Amino acid sequence: MLALGGCETTNTAPPSTPNPPPQTDVQNESPVIEAARQTAAQPLEPSYPSIDTLTGQTAESIETLLGQPQFRRRDKPAELWQYRATGCVLDLFLYPGAGRSLAVDFLDVRQIGNSDVGRQDCLVSLLKTKAAGVQG
């Protein structure tokens, strides 16, 4: 008789490996997700106020927005504040408003030389210059 008692076997499963992360197919992404990826990769251009919103603003608000004017003339009761940018000049005419504080009553944008700078572009240029910390 043959004895089979010397062989022992155990049932062990092969070591398990973690499932790999699901593969995403870039071609199957929705247009919204694709647009969000492209937008996130591009720096956002800051938004700028419309030049028309300057009318009625107080002197304090203008100084906060644009800084100190490069030129100031006082002709009681009014003041002329002038800001210069590349290719243009912004003139703000301030008069006493409610509470007797100065506020912008009228504004004018003038081109310098042969430049073709529009009203809004002049304001944007001034704001970018201020943001960059450059004095005009």
C-alpha atoms as a PDB file:
ATOM      1  CA  MET A   1       0.000   0.000   0.000  1.00  0.00           C
ATOM      2  CA  LEU A   2       1.082   3.398  -0.745  1.00  0.00           C
ATOM      3  CA  ALA A   3       0.918   6.033   1.865  1.00  0.00           C
ATOM      4  CA  LEU A   4      -0.035   9.498   0.710  1.00  0.00           C
ATOM      5  CA  GLY A   5       0.285  11.190   4.024  1.00  0.00           C
ATOM      6  CA  GLY A   6       3.570  12.970   3.330  1.00  0.00           C
ATOM      7  CA  CYS A   7       2.271  15.496   0.796  1.00  0.00           C
ATOM      8  CA  GLU A   8       0.393  18.445   2.120  1.00  0.00           C
ATOM      9  CA  THR A   9      -1.094  21.136  -0.039  1.00  0.00           C
ATOM     10  CA  THR A  10      -2.610  24.458   0.979  1.00  0.00           C
ATOM     11  CA  ASN A  11      -5.003  26.508  -1.028  1.00  0.00           C
ATOM     12  CA  THR A  12      -3.503  29.999  -1.204  1.00  0.00           C
ATOM     13  CA  ALA A  13      -4.671  32.604  -3.656  1.00  0.00           C
ATOM     14  CA  PRO A  14      -2.040  34.553  -5.569  1.00  0.00           C
ATOM     15  CA  PRO A  15      -1.246  37.933  -3.982  1.00  0.00           C
ATOM     16  CA  SER A  16      -3.791  40.567  -5.008  1.00  0.00           C
ATOM     17  CA  THR A  17      -2.748  43.758  -6.711  1.00  0.00           C
ATOM     18  CA  PRO A  18      -4.691  47.003  -6.264  1.00  0.00           C
ATOM     19  CA  ASN A  19      -6.916  47.951  -9.138  1.00  0.00           C
ATOM     20  CA  PRO A  20      -5.352  50.672 -11.299  1.00  0.00           C
ATOM     21  CA  PRO A  21      -7.167  54.025 -11.339  1.00  0.00           C
ATOM     22  CA  PRO A  22      -9.799  54.257 -14.036  1.00  0.00           C
ATOM     23  CA  GLN A  23      -8.495  55.635 -17.276  1.00  0.00           C
ATOM     24  CA  THR A  24     -10.189  58.769 -18.526  1.00  0.00           C
ATOM     25  CA  ASP A  25     -10.520  59.280 -22.190  1.00  0.00           C
ATOM     26  CA  VAL A  26      -9.851  62.940 -22.953  1.00  0.00           C
ATOM     27  CA  GLN A  27     -11.749  62.598 -26.189  1.00  0.00           C
ATOM     28  CA  ASN A  28     -14.898  61.589 -24.304  1.00  0.00           C
ATOM     29  CA  GLU A  29     -14.913  64.578 -21.913  1.00  0.00           C
ATOM     30  CA  SER A  30     -17.843  66.913 -22.108  1.00  0.00           C
ATOM     31  CA  PRO A  31     -17.342  70.298 -23.790  1.00  0.00           C
ATOM     32  CA  VAL A  32     -18.041  71.985 -20.435  1.00  0.00           C
ATOM     33  CA  ILE A  33     -15.190  70.150 -18.723  1.00  0.00           C
ATOM     34  CA  GLU A  34     -12.863  70.859 -21.626  1.00  0.00           C
ATOM     35  CA  ALA A  35     -13.769  74.557 -21.572  1.00  0.00           C
ATOM     36  CA  ALA A  36     -13.195  74.676 -17.806  1.00  0.00           C
ATOM     37  CA  ARG A  37      -9.739  73.148 -18.248  1.00  0.00           C
ATOM     38  CA  GLN A  38      -8.815  75.688 -20.909  1.00  0.00           C
ATOM     39  CA  THR A  39     -10.183  78.579 -18.842  1.00  0.00           C
ATOM     40  CA  ALA A  40      -8.278  77.448 -15.756  1.00  0.00           C
ATOM     41  CA  ALA A  41      -5.058  77.357 -17.751  1.00  0.00           C
ATOM     42  CA  GLN A  42      -5.462  80.959 -18.920  1.00  0.00           C
ATOM     43  CA  PRO A  43      -4.947  83.861 -16.517  1.00  0.00           C
ATOM     44  CA  LEU A  44      -8.047  85.975 -16.138  1.00  0.00           C
ATOM     45  CA  GLU A  45      -7.967  89.565 -17.344  1.00  0.00           C
ATOM     46  CA  PRO A  46      -9.129  91.797 -14.517  1.00  0.00           C
ATOM     47  CA  SER A  47     -12.363  93.645 -15.080  1.00  0.00           C
ATOM     48  CA  TYR A  48     -12.227  97.415 -15.220  1.00  0.00           C
ATOM     49  CA  PRO A  49     -14.959  99.907 -14.398  1.00  0.00           C
ATOM     50  CA  SER A  50     -16.569 101.831 -17.215  1.00  0.00           C
ATOM     51  CA  ILE A  51     -15.212 105.346 -17.590  1.00  0.00           C
ATOM     52  CA  ASP A  52     -18.781 106.620 -17.370  1.00  0.00           C
ATOM     53  CA  THR A  53     -18.972 105.423 -13.756  1.00  0.00           C
ATOM     54  CA  LEU A  54     -16.412 108.057 -12.737  1.00  0.00           C
ATOM     55  CA  THR A  55     -19.017 110.808 -13.017  1.00  0.00           C
ATOM     56  CA  GLY A  56     -20.477 111.418  -9.566  1.00  0.00           C
ATOM     57  CA  GLN A  57     -17.622 109.714  -7.716  1.00  0.00           C
ATOM     58  CA  THR A  58     -16.158 111.557  -4.733  1.00  0.00           C
ATOM     59  CA  ALA A  59     -12.599 112.848  -4.663  1.00  0.00           C
ATOM     60  CA  GLU A  60     -11.746 110.127  -2.136  1.00  0.00           C
ATOM     61  CA  SER A  61     -13.097 107.395  -4.443  1.00  0.00           C
ATOM     62  CA  ILE A  62     -11.103 108.760  -7.384  1.00  0.00           C
ATOM     63  CA  GLU A  63      -7.904 108.835  -5.327  1.00  0.00           C
ATOM     64  CA  THR A  64      -8.501 105.246  -4.252  1.00  0.00           C
ATOM     65  CA  LEU A  65      -9.077 104.176  -7.847  1.00  0.00           C
ATOM     66  CA  LEU A  66      -6.439 106.230  -9.689  1.00  0.00           C
ATOM     67  CA  GLY A  67      -4.119 107.589  -7.002  1.00  0.00           C
ATOM     68  CA  GLN A  68      -3.006 111.192  -6.737  1.00  0.00           C
ATOM     69  CA  PRO A  69      -3.453 113.229  -9.922  1.00  0.00           C
ATOM     70  CA  GLN A  70      -0.317 114.259 -11.798  1.00  0.00           C
ATOM     71  CA  PHE A  71      -1.738 117.778 -12.058  1.00  0.00           C
ATOM     72  CA  ARG A  72      -4.265 119.581  -9.871  1.00  0.00           C
ATOM     73  CA  ARG A  73      -5.653 123.066 -10.364  1.00  0.00           C
ATOM     74  CA  ARG A  74      -7.983 124.737  -7.885  1.00  0.00           C
ATOM     75  CA  ASP A  75     -10.415 127.324  -9.188  1.00  0.00           C
ATOM     76  CA  LYS A  76     -12.877 127.787  -6.337  1.00  0.00           C
ATOM     77  CA  PRO A  77     -15.262 126.100  -6.063  1.00  0.00           C
ATOM     78  CA  ALA A  78     -14.008 123.567  -8.630  1.00  0.00           C
ATOM     79  CA  GLU A  79     -10.846 121.507  -9.076  1.00  0.00           C
ATOM     80  CA  LEU A  80      -9.316 120.030 -12.219  1.00  0.00           C
ATOM     81  CA  TRP A  81      -7.534 116.715 -11.720  1.00  0.00           C
ATOM     82  CA  GLN A  82      -5.395 115.453 -14.553  1.00  0.00           C
ATOM     83  CA  TYR A  83      -4.069 111.927 -15.088  1.00  0.00           C
ATOM     84  CA  ARG A  84      -1.676 111.078 -17.921  1.00  0.00           C
ATOM     85  CA  ALA A  85      -1.313 107.685 -19.574  1.00  0.00           C
ATOM     86  CA  THR A  86       0.507 106.543 -22.685  1.00  0.00           C
ATOM     87  CA  GLY A  87      -1.223 108.376 -25.526  1.00  0.00           C
ATOM     88  CA  CYS A  88      -3.917 110.158 -23.517  1.00  0.00           C
ATOM     89  CA  VAL A  89      -4.852 112.550 -20.744  1.00  0.00           C
ATOM     90  CA  LEU A  90      -7.867 112.146 -18.469  1.00  0.00           C
ATOM     91  CA  ASP A  91      -9.271 115.433 -17.115  1.00  0.00           C
ATOM     92  CA  LEU A  92     -11.685 115.248 -14.194  1.00  0.00           C
ATOM     93  CA  PHE A  93     -13.629 118.333 -13.174  1.00  0.00           C
ATOM     94  CA  LEU A  94     -14.738 118.130  -9.549  1.00  0.00           C
ATOM     95  CA  TYR A  95     -17.324 120.401  -7.938  1.00  0.00           C
ATOM     96  CA  PRO A  96     -18.780 120.443  -4.453  1.00  0.00           C
ATOM     97  CA  GLY A  97     -21.592 117.934  -4.208  1.00  0.00           C
ATOM     98  CA  ALA A  98     -23.796 116.756  -1.404  1.00  0.00           C
ATOM     99  CA  GLY A  99     -22.220 117.525   1.924  1.00  0.00           C
ATOM    100  CA  ARG A 100     -19.893 119.983   0.167  1.00  0.00           C
ATOM    101  CA  SER A 101     -17.345 117.264  -0.664  1.00  0.00           C
ATOM    102  CA  LEU A 102     -15.867 117.328  -4.156  1.00  0.00           C
ATOM    103  CA  ALA A 103     -17.269 114.940  -6.754  1.00  0.00           C
ATOM    104  CA  VAL A 104     -16.655 114.415 -10.476  1.00  0.00           C
ATOM    105  CA  ASP A 105     -19.126 116.536 -12.424  1.00  0.00           C
ATOM    106  CA  PHE A 106     -17.536 116.221 -15.873  1.00  0.00           C
ATOM    107  CA  LEU A 107     -14.664 114.334 -17.477  1.00  0.00           C
ATOM    108  CA  ASP A 108     -12.784 114.573 -20.728  1.00  0.00           C
ATOM    109  CA  VAL A 109     -10.235 112.328 -22.450  1.00  0.00           C
ATOM    110  CA  ARG A 110      -7.727 113.894 -24.802  1.00  0.00           C
ATOM    111  CA  GLN A 111      -5.345 112.104 -27.115  1.00  0.00           C
ATOM    112  CA  ILE A 112      -1.656 112.962 -27.066  1.00  0.00           C
ATOM    113  CA  GLY A 113       0.069 113.353 -30.435  1.00  0.00           C
ATOM    114  CA  ASN A 114      -1.089 110.961 -33.127  1.00  0.00           C
ATOM    115  CA  SER A 115      -2.359 108.312 -30.728  1.00  0.00           C
ATOM    116  CA  ASP A 116      -5.760 106.762 -31.236  1.00  0.00           C
ATOM    117  CA  VAL A 117      -6.607 105.905 -27.633  1.00  0.00           C
ATOM    118  CA  GLY A 118     -10.317 105.676 -26.849  1.00  0.00           C
ATOM    119  CA  ARG A 119     -11.948 106.912 -23.666  1.00  0.00           C
ATOM    120  CA  GLN A 120     -12.225 103.489 -22.017  1.00  0.00           C
ATOM    121  CA  ASP A 121      -8.756 102.430 -23.182  1.00  0.00           C
ATOM    122  CA  CYS A 122      -7.310 105.533 -21.538  1.00  0.00           C
ATOM    123  CA  LEU A 123      -8.871 104.614 -18.186  1.00  0.00           C
ATOM    124  CA  VAL A 124      -7.687 101.008 -18.492  1.00  0.00           C
ATOM    125  CA  SER A 125      -4.169 102.232 -19.262  1.00  0.00           C
ATOM    126  CA  LEU A 126      -4.220 104.426 -16.150  1.00  0.00           C
ATOM    127  CA  LEU A 127      -5.452 101.558 -13.978  1.00  0.00           C
ATOM    128  CA  LYS A 128      -2.848  99.145 -15.319  1.00  0.00           C
ATOM    129  CA  THR A 129      -0.117 101.720 -14.727  1.00  0.00           C
ATOM    130  CA  LYS A 130      -1.287 102.217 -11.144  1.00  0.00           C
ATOM    131  CA  ALA A 131      -1.471  98.446 -10.573  1.00  0.00           C
ATOM    132  CA  ALA A 132       2.103  98.110 -11.846  1.00  0.00           C
ATOM    133  CA  GLY A 133       3.210 100.813  -9.396  1.00  0.00           C
ATOM    134  CA  VAL A 134       4.508 103.147 -12.101  1.00  0.00           C
ATOM    135  CA  GLN A 135       4.204 106.877 -11.594  1.00  0.00           C
ATOM    136  CA  GLY A 136       3.262 108.903 -14.669  1.00  0.00           C
END
